[in-house]
Structure formats: C-alpha cells, structure tokens
Protein backbone atom coordinates (compact mmCIF):
# COMPACT_ATOMS: atom_id res chain seq x y z
CA UNK A 1 11.01 12.75 -2.06
CA UNK A 2 12.31 11.85 1.37
CA UNK A 3 15.92 12.56 0.49
CA UNK A 4 15.01 16.07 -0.69
CA UNK A 5 13.53 17.13 2.65
CA UNK A 6 15.62 19.25 4.95
CA UNK A 7 16.04 18.00 8.54
CA UNK A 8 13.32 20.27 9.97
CA UNK A 9 10.65 19.04 7.54
CA UNK A 10 11.82 15.45 7.97
CA UNK A 11 11.45 15.68 11.77
CA UNK A 12 8.02 17.28 11.44
CA UNK A 13 6.82 14.64 8.98
CA UNK A 14 8.17 11.83 11.16
CA UNK A 15 6.51 13.35 14.24
CA UNK A 16 3.12 13.75 12.54
CA UNK A 17 3.22 10.21 11.14
CA UNK A 18 4.32 8.78 14.50
CA UNK A 19 1.54 10.57 16.41
CA UNK A 20 -1.14 9.47 13.96
CA UNK A 21 0.32 5.96 13.91
CA UNK A 22 0.15 5.81 17.71
CA UNK A 23 -3.54 6.68 17.65
CA UNK A 24 -4.08 4.11 14.91
CA UNK A 25 -1.90 1.59 16.79
CA UNK A 26 -4.06 1.93 19.89
CA UNK A 27 -7.17 1.21 17.82
CA UNK A 28 -5.46 -1.72 16.12
CA UNK A 29 -4.49 -3.14 19.49
CA UNK A 30 -8.16 -3.29 20.38
CA UNK A 31 -9.02 -4.91 17.05
CA UNK A 32 -6.17 -7.37 16.69
CA UNK A 33 -5.64 -8.23 20.34
CA UNK A 34 -3.08 -11.01 20.72
CA UNK A 35 -2.57 -11.24 16.96
CA UNK A 36 -1.13 -7.72 16.91
CA UNK A 37 2.06 -6.30 18.39
CA UNK A 38 0.68 -4.09 21.17
CA UNK A 39 0.08 -0.35 20.86
CA UNK A 40 3.75 0.63 20.68
CA UNK A 41 4.66 -2.27 18.39
CA UNK A 42 1.80 -1.43 16.03
CA UNK A 43 2.98 2.18 16.01
CA UNK A 44 6.53 1.20 15.11
CA UNK A 45 5.37 -1.18 12.36
CA UNK A 46 2.96 1.33 10.82
CA UNK A 47 5.44 4.22 10.98
CA UNK A 48 8.26 2.14 9.50
CA UNK A 49 5.94 0.77 6.82
CA UNK A 50 4.77 4.27 5.90
CA UNK A 51 8.26 5.59 5.27
CA UNK A 52 9.43 2.31 3.75
CA UNK A 53 6.57 2.43 1.24
CA UNK A 54 7.52 5.94 0.12
CA UNK A 55 11.22 5.03 0.01
CA UNK A 56 10.60 1.91 -2.10
CA UNK A 57 8.38 3.85 -4.50
CA UNK A 58 11.16 6.43 -4.89
CA UNK A 59 13.66 3.65 -5.58
CA UNK A 60 11.44 2.44 -8.43
CA UNK A 61 11.44 5.91 -9.95
CA UNK A 62 8.08 7.22 -8.76
CA UNK A 63 8.27 10.96 -8.14
CA UNK A 64 5.54 12.45 -5.99
CA UNK A 65 4.49 15.86 -7.20
CA UNK A 66 1.35 15.77 -5.08
CA UNK A 67 1.27 15.21 -1.34
CA UNK A 68 -1.94 13.16 -1.64
CA UNK A 69 -0.20 10.51 -3.72
CA UNK A 70 2.71 10.36 -1.27
CA UNK A 71 0.33 9.86 1.65
CA UNK A 72 -1.63 7.21 -0.24
CA UNK A 73 1.60 5.36 -1.09
CA UNK A 74 2.72 5.60 2.52
CA UNK A 75 -0.58 4.20 3.77
CA UNK A 76 -0.38 1.30 1.33
CA UNK A 77 3.13 0.60 2.57
CA UNK A 78 2.02 0.80 6.21
CA UNK A 79 -0.91 -1.58 5.72
CA UNK A 80 1.19 -3.97 3.65
CA UNK A 81 3.92 -4.05 6.28
CA UNK A 82 1.44 -4.59 9.10
CA UNK A 83 -0.44 -7.26 7.16
CA UNK A 84 2.69 -9.19 6.23
CA UNK A 85 4.13 -9.09 9.74
CA UNK A 86 0.79 -10.06 11.32
CA UNK A 87 0.47 -12.98 8.90
CA UNK A 88 4.01 -14.12 9.70
CA UNK A 89 3.28 -13.87 13.42
CA UNK A 90 0.04 -15.83 13.05
CA UNK A 91 1.80 -18.47 10.95
CA UNK A 92 4.60 -18.88 13.47
CA UNK A 93 2.11 -19.11 16.34
CA UNK A 94 0.38 -22.06 14.66
CA UNK A 95 3.57 -24.08 14.32
C-alpha cells in the first residue's frame, strides 16, 4: 500500500499522521510523564510505529482495500511500538 502511493499522497499522509501524532504525543506526555519520551519523542515513536505497522503488514502479504483497515493496522503498530519502547525504557531505568 505504501509503495503504491505517489510522492504527493505520501507527503500528505505523512503530514496528517505526524500532526495527529503530535497532538496525541502531547497528551501522552501528560499521561506518561517521565516514563515517556517527551512530546516530540512520543510523536516520532507513534509516527514511525504507524508506518512501520502498515509496512510490516504489507510484507506479510496483507493488502488493504479499505482505508479503515489500514488506519487500524497503523494504530496497532503505533501503540505496539510505543508500548514496547516504554517497557524497555522502564526496564532499563530499574537496572
């Protein structure tokens, strides 16, 4: 799905995801506090996780014919990436 987008649509999708991730990252900074990565760090992690989730699903042969499924897969990837990195950070802080 991502490889089939032309550069204009790819830039627009990245911009929309980054803006929404920044808003979400600001809220997560208030929730997670020191356990998080700061507003910009949360934004980077969520944005990268979103696109990484879609890319990994495409590698496993999942084709998204509906935008809703692509967004849901991206959100799962974003939350998984944030959860794993936050758990690693918390584990390293306790050592």
